[in-house]
Amino acid sequence: MAEGVNDVTAATWEQEVLGENGLVLIDFWAVWCGPCRMIAPTVEELAREYAGKVKVLKLNTDENPEIASRYKIMGIPTLMFFKGGQKVDQIVGAVPKPQLKAKLDSLINA
């Protein structure tokens, strides 16, 4: 896993996401997903740039279908944002880095 980005699974979801007070970005992805591979370097860059401000996690939807189902993930990549254990926003699809930075900045400052 890239620097600043950790894996989250169904077993660690409660602790890593719902138990976290600050802003958490979860990248829902799968090995076979081309757009997921396209956005991965951007997610890794953001993890480094926002270190200490945003916790960045990746969840493999094929290995953790119960979490993907619980949050009604219909397409990947889906980037979901949690704050204080509550889902506050999401972005579906491989979007440009400036759009992700704008979203993170608005959520950090909310």
N, C-alpha and C. Protein backbone atom coordinates (compact mmCIF):
# COMPACT_ATOMS: atom_id res chain seq x y z
N MET A 1 0.86 -1.18 0.00
CA MET A 1 0.00 0.00 0.00
C MET A 1 0.90 1.24 0.00
N ALA A 2 0.43 2.25 -0.65
CA ALA A 2 1.22 3.48 -0.78
C ALA A 2 1.33 4.21 0.55
N GLU A 3 2.34 5.03 0.62
CA GLU A 3 2.57 5.83 1.82
C GLU A 3 1.35 6.71 2.13
N GLY A 4 0.88 6.64 3.36
CA GLY A 4 -0.25 7.46 3.77
C GLY A 4 -1.61 6.87 3.46
N VAL A 5 -1.64 5.75 2.73
CA VAL A 5 -2.90 5.10 2.38
C VAL A 5 -2.91 3.71 2.98
N ASN A 6 -3.94 3.40 3.76
CA ASN A 6 -4.05 2.08 4.38
C ASN A 6 -5.29 1.37 3.88
N ASP A 7 -5.24 0.04 3.96
CA ASP A 7 -6.40 -0.76 3.61
C ASP A 7 -7.38 -0.78 4.77
N VAL A 8 -8.66 -0.79 4.45
CA VAL A 8 -9.68 -0.98 5.46
C VAL A 8 -10.53 -2.17 4.98
N THR A 9 -10.99 -2.98 5.92
CA THR A 9 -11.80 -4.14 5.60
C THR A 9 -13.07 -4.11 6.44
N ALA A 10 -13.95 -5.06 6.20
CA ALA A 10 -15.17 -5.15 7.01
C ALA A 10 -14.80 -5.31 8.48
N ALA A 11 -13.72 -6.03 8.76
CA ALA A 11 -13.31 -6.29 10.14
C ALA A 11 -12.79 -5.03 10.84
N THR A 12 -12.23 -4.11 10.08
CA THR A 12 -11.64 -2.91 10.69
C THR A 12 -12.47 -1.64 10.44
N TRP A 13 -13.58 -1.76 9.73
CA TRP A 13 -14.40 -0.61 9.34
C TRP A 13 -14.84 0.23 10.54
N GLU A 14 -15.42 -0.43 11.56
CA GLU A 14 -15.93 0.30 12.73
C GLU A 14 -14.84 1.16 13.36
N GLN A 15 -13.68 0.56 13.57
CA GLN A 15 -12.58 1.26 14.24
C GLN A 15 -11.96 2.33 13.34
N GLU A 16 -11.66 1.98 12.09
CA GLU A 16 -10.92 2.87 11.19
C GLU A 16 -11.76 4.02 10.64
N VAL A 17 -13.07 3.79 10.45
CA VAL A 17 -13.91 4.81 9.81
C VAL A 17 -14.91 5.40 10.79
N LEU A 18 -15.77 4.57 11.34
CA LEU A 18 -16.86 5.06 12.18
C LEU A 18 -16.35 5.57 13.52
N GLY A 19 -15.20 5.07 13.99
CA GLY A 19 -14.64 5.50 15.26
C GLY A 19 -13.71 6.69 15.15
N GLU A 20 -13.54 7.20 13.95
CA GLU A 20 -12.61 8.30 13.71
C GLU A 20 -13.36 9.64 13.80
N ASN A 21 -12.82 10.58 14.56
CA ASN A 21 -13.47 11.89 14.71
C ASN A 21 -13.22 12.82 13.53
N GLY A 22 -12.02 12.74 12.97
CA GLY A 22 -11.65 13.66 11.89
C GLY A 22 -12.20 13.23 10.54
N LEU A 23 -11.70 13.87 9.48
CA LEU A 23 -12.13 13.59 8.12
C LEU A 23 -11.44 12.32 7.61
N VAL A 24 -12.25 11.43 7.04
CA VAL A 24 -11.75 10.17 6.47
C VAL A 24 -12.20 10.10 5.01
N LEU A 25 -11.27 9.80 4.12
CA LEU A 25 -11.56 9.57 2.70
C LEU A 25 -11.37 8.09 2.44
N ILE A 26 -12.41 7.43 1.92
CA ILE A 26 -12.31 6.01 1.57
C ILE A 26 -12.45 5.87 0.07
N ASP A 27 -11.47 5.22 -0.53
CA ASP A 27 -11.48 4.92 -1.97
C ASP A 27 -12.00 3.50 -2.12
N PHE A 28 -13.24 3.36 -2.62
CA PHE A 28 -13.81 2.04 -2.91
C PHE A 28 -13.33 1.65 -4.30
N TRP A 29 -12.67 0.49 -4.41
CA TRP A 29 -12.03 0.10 -5.65
C TRP A 29 -12.06 -1.42 -5.82
N ALA A 30 -11.60 -1.89 -7.00
CA ALA A 30 -11.41 -3.32 -7.25
C ALA A 30 -10.23 -3.47 -8.21
N VAL A 31 -9.60 -4.63 -8.15
CA VAL A 31 -8.40 -4.90 -8.95
C VAL A 31 -8.68 -4.76 -10.44
N TRP A 32 -9.85 -5.21 -10.90
CA TRP A 32 -10.18 -5.24 -12.32
C TRP A 32 -10.64 -3.89 -12.87
N CYS A 33 -10.76 -2.88 -12.03
CA CYS A 33 -11.35 -1.59 -12.40
C CYS A 33 -10.30 -0.63 -12.97
N GLY A 34 -10.37 -0.36 -14.28
CA GLY A 34 -9.43 0.55 -14.93
C GLY A 34 -9.45 1.97 -14.35
N PRO A 35 -10.64 2.59 -14.23
CA PRO A 35 -10.68 3.94 -13.65
C PRO A 35 -10.13 3.98 -12.21
N CYS A 36 -10.28 2.88 -11.47
CA CYS A 36 -9.73 2.81 -10.11
C CYS A 36 -8.21 2.92 -10.15
N ARG A 37 -7.60 2.23 -11.12
CA ARG A 37 -6.15 2.29 -11.26
C ARG A 37 -5.71 3.68 -11.72
N MET A 38 -6.56 4.35 -12.51
CA MET A 38 -6.22 5.70 -12.99
C MET A 38 -6.21 6.70 -11.84
N ILE A 39 -7.14 6.58 -10.91
CA ILE A 39 -7.27 7.57 -9.83
C ILE A 39 -6.36 7.25 -8.64
N ALA A 40 -5.86 6.02 -8.54
CA ALA A 40 -5.05 5.61 -7.39
C ALA A 40 -3.85 6.54 -7.14
N PRO A 41 -3.06 6.91 -8.15
CA PRO A 41 -1.93 7.82 -7.88
C PRO A 41 -2.38 9.17 -7.32
N THR A 42 -3.52 9.66 -7.77
CA THR A 42 -4.06 10.93 -7.26
C THR A 42 -4.42 10.80 -5.79
N VAL A 43 -5.07 9.70 -5.45
CA VAL A 43 -5.45 9.45 -4.05
C VAL A 43 -4.20 9.37 -3.18
N GLU A 44 -3.15 8.72 -3.70
CA GLU A 44 -1.90 8.61 -2.95
C GLU A 44 -1.24 9.98 -2.77
N GLU A 45 -1.27 10.82 -3.80
CA GLU A 45 -0.71 12.18 -3.69
C GLU A 45 -1.48 12.98 -2.64
N LEU A 46 -2.80 12.88 -2.66
CA LEU A 46 -3.62 13.61 -1.69
C LEU A 46 -3.34 13.12 -0.27
N ALA A 47 -3.11 11.82 -0.10
CA ALA A 47 -2.80 11.27 1.22
C ALA A 47 -1.53 11.91 1.77
N ARG A 48 -0.54 12.10 0.90
CA ARG A 48 0.71 12.75 1.33
C ARG A 48 0.48 14.24 1.61
N GLU A 49 -0.23 14.91 0.71
CA GLU A 49 -0.45 16.36 0.84
C GLU A 49 -1.30 16.71 2.06
N TYR A 50 -2.24 15.84 2.41
CA TYR A 50 -3.16 16.12 3.51
C TYR A 50 -2.83 15.29 4.76
N ALA A 51 -1.61 14.80 4.83
CA ALA A 51 -1.18 14.00 5.99
C ALA A 51 -1.41 14.82 7.27
N GLY A 52 -2.01 14.19 8.26
CA GLY A 52 -2.30 14.87 9.51
C GLY A 52 -3.63 15.60 9.51
N LYS A 53 -4.24 15.77 8.32
CA LYS A 53 -5.53 16.45 8.21
C LYS A 53 -6.64 15.49 7.79
N VAL A 54 -6.28 14.52 6.93
CA VAL A 54 -7.26 13.58 6.39
C VAL A 54 -6.67 12.16 6.47
N LYS A 55 -7.48 11.24 6.96
CA LYS A 55 -7.10 9.83 6.98
C LYS A 55 -7.58 9.23 5.66
N VAL A 56 -6.68 8.61 4.90
CA VAL A 56 -7.02 8.06 3.59
C VAL A 56 -6.95 6.53 3.64
N LEU A 57 -8.05 5.91 3.23
CA LEU A 57 -8.17 4.45 3.27
C LEU A 57 -8.66 3.94 1.92
N LYS A 58 -8.34 2.67 1.63
CA LYS A 58 -8.84 2.01 0.42
C LYS A 58 -9.60 0.76 0.85
N LEU A 59 -10.76 0.54 0.22
CA LEU A 59 -11.55 -0.66 0.51
C LEU A 59 -11.80 -1.39 -0.80
N ASN A 60 -11.34 -2.64 -0.85
CA ASN A 60 -11.54 -3.49 -2.02
C ASN A 60 -12.97 -4.02 -1.97
N THR A 61 -13.80 -3.60 -2.94
CA THR A 61 -15.22 -3.97 -2.91
C THR A 61 -15.44 -5.45 -3.18
N ASP A 62 -14.54 -6.10 -3.91
CA ASP A 62 -14.68 -7.54 -4.16
C ASP A 62 -14.43 -8.34 -2.89
N GLU A 63 -13.51 -7.87 -2.06
CA GLU A 63 -13.17 -8.59 -0.82
C GLU A 63 -14.07 -8.20 0.35
N ASN A 64 -14.79 -7.09 0.24
CA ASN A 64 -15.63 -6.58 1.33
C ASN A 64 -17.01 -6.18 0.80
N PRO A 65 -17.74 -7.12 0.20
CA PRO A 65 -19.02 -6.76 -0.43
C PRO A 65 -20.06 -6.25 0.55
N GLU A 66 -19.98 -6.68 1.81
CA GLU A 66 -20.98 -6.23 2.79
C GLU A 66 -20.90 -4.73 3.05
N ILE A 67 -19.68 -4.18 3.04
CA ILE A 67 -19.52 -2.73 3.25
C ILE A 67 -20.00 -1.99 2.00
N ALA A 68 -19.60 -2.47 0.82
CA ALA A 68 -20.03 -1.85 -0.43
C ALA A 68 -21.55 -1.85 -0.53
N SER A 69 -22.17 -2.93 -0.11
CA SER A 69 -23.63 -3.04 -0.14
C SER A 69 -24.27 -2.10 0.88
N ARG A 70 -23.71 -2.02 2.08
CA ARG A 70 -24.26 -1.17 3.14
C ARG A 70 -24.32 0.29 2.70
N TYR A 71 -23.31 0.72 1.93
CA TYR A 71 -23.25 2.12 1.50
C TYR A 71 -23.72 2.30 0.06
N LYS A 72 -24.36 1.26 -0.48
CA LYS A 72 -24.99 1.31 -1.81
C LYS A 72 -24.02 1.78 -2.90
N ILE A 73 -22.84 1.17 -2.90
CA ILE A 73 -21.84 1.48 -3.93
C ILE A 73 -22.30 0.82 -5.23
N MET A 74 -22.64 1.63 -6.21
CA MET A 74 -23.14 1.12 -7.49
C MET A 74 -22.08 1.17 -8.59
N GLY A 75 -21.11 2.05 -8.43
CA GLY A 75 -20.04 2.17 -9.42
C GLY A 75 -18.74 2.50 -8.71
N ILE A 76 -17.65 2.02 -9.28
CA ILE A 76 -16.35 2.33 -8.70
C ILE A 76 -15.47 2.93 -9.79
N PRO A 77 -14.54 3.78 -9.43
CA PRO A 77 -14.23 4.16 -8.06
C PRO A 77 -15.30 5.07 -7.46
N THR A 78 -15.56 4.86 -6.18
CA THR A 78 -16.36 5.79 -5.40
C THR A 78 -15.47 6.29 -4.27
N LEU A 79 -15.39 7.59 -4.12
CA LEU A 79 -14.64 8.19 -3.02
C LEU A 79 -15.67 8.72 -2.03
N MET A 80 -15.65 8.16 -0.83
CA MET A 80 -16.63 8.53 0.18
C MET A 80 -15.93 9.26 1.31
N PHE A 81 -16.59 10.27 1.84
CA PHE A 81 -16.02 11.11 2.88
C PHE A 81 -16.83 10.96 4.16
N PHE A 82 -16.13 10.69 5.26
CA PHE A 82 -16.76 10.56 6.58
C PHE A 82 -16.14 11.59 7.51
N LYS A 83 -16.95 12.14 8.40
CA LYS A 83 -16.46 13.06 9.41
C LYS A 83 -17.21 12.73 10.70
N GLY A 84 -16.47 12.48 11.76
CA GLY A 84 -17.10 12.13 13.02
C GLY A 84 -17.91 10.85 12.94
N GLY A 85 -17.47 9.92 12.08
CA GLY A 85 -18.15 8.64 11.93
C GLY A 85 -19.39 8.67 11.05
N GLN A 86 -19.70 9.83 10.46
CA GLN A 86 -20.89 9.97 9.62
C GLN A 86 -20.47 10.25 8.17
N LYS A 87 -21.17 9.62 7.23
CA LYS A 87 -20.92 9.91 5.82
C LYS A 87 -21.39 11.34 5.54
N VAL A 88 -20.49 12.15 4.96
CA VAL A 88 -20.83 13.54 4.67
C VAL A 88 -20.89 13.85 3.17
N ASP A 89 -20.25 13.01 2.35
CA ASP A 89 -20.26 13.27 0.91
C ASP A 89 -19.66 12.08 0.17
N GLN A 90 -19.82 12.09 -1.16
CA GLN A 90 -19.15 11.10 -1.98
C GLN A 90 -19.02 11.61 -3.40
N ILE A 91 -18.02 11.05 -4.09
CA ILE A 91 -17.79 11.35 -5.50
C ILE A 91 -17.66 10.01 -6.21
N VAL A 92 -18.38 9.84 -7.31
CA VAL A 92 -18.31 8.60 -8.08
C VAL A 92 -17.57 8.87 -9.38
N GLY A 93 -16.61 8.00 -9.68
CA GLY A 93 -15.85 8.12 -10.92
C GLY A 93 -14.47 8.71 -10.70
N ALA A 94 -13.65 8.58 -11.73
CA ALA A 94 -12.29 9.12 -11.69
C ALA A 94 -12.36 10.60 -12.04
N VAL A 95 -12.23 11.44 -11.04
CA VAL A 95 -12.33 12.89 -11.25
C VAL A 95 -10.95 13.53 -11.15
N PRO A 96 -10.78 14.73 -11.69
CA PRO A 96 -9.47 15.38 -11.66
C PRO A 96 -9.06 15.77 -10.23
N LYS A 97 -7.76 15.80 -10.02
CA LYS A 97 -7.22 16.14 -8.70
C LYS A 97 -7.73 17.47 -8.16
N PRO A 98 -7.81 18.54 -8.96
CA PRO A 98 -8.31 19.81 -8.41
C PRO A 98 -9.72 19.69 -7.82
N GLN A 99 -10.55 18.86 -8.43
CA GLN A 99 -11.91 18.66 -7.92
C GLN A 99 -11.87 17.97 -6.56
N LEU A 100 -10.98 16.98 -6.41
CA LEU A 100 -10.85 16.28 -5.13
C LEU A 100 -10.27 17.21 -4.06
N LYS A 101 -9.29 18.02 -4.43
CA LYS A 101 -8.71 18.96 -3.47
C LYS A 101 -9.76 19.96 -2.99
N ALA A 102 -10.58 20.46 -3.91
CA ALA A 102 -11.62 21.41 -3.55
C ALA A 102 -12.61 20.78 -2.57
N LYS A 103 -12.96 19.52 -2.83
CA LYS A 103 -13.89 18.82 -1.95
C LYS A 103 -13.27 18.64 -0.57
N LEU A 104 -12.01 18.19 -0.52
CA LEU A 104 -11.34 17.99 0.77
C LEU A 104 -11.24 19.31 1.54
N ASP A 105 -10.84 20.37 0.84
CA ASP A 105 -10.71 21.67 1.51
C ASP A 105 -12.04 22.14 2.07
N SER A 106 -13.12 21.96 1.33
CA SER A 106 -14.42 22.41 1.82
C SER A 106 -14.86 21.58 3.02
N LEU A 107 -14.56 20.28 3.03
CA LEU A 107 -14.95 19.43 4.15
C LEU A 107 -14.08 19.67 5.39
N ILE A 108 -12.81 19.95 5.18
CA ILE A 108 -11.91 20.25 6.30
C ILE A 108 -12.37 21.53 6.99
N ASN A 109 -12.78 22.50 6.21
CA ASN A 109 -13.15 23.81 6.72
C ASN A 109 -14.62 23.91 7.13
N ALA A 110 -15.37 22.84 6.93
CA ALA A 110 -16.81 22.87 7.26
C ALA A 110 -17.03 22.87 8.75
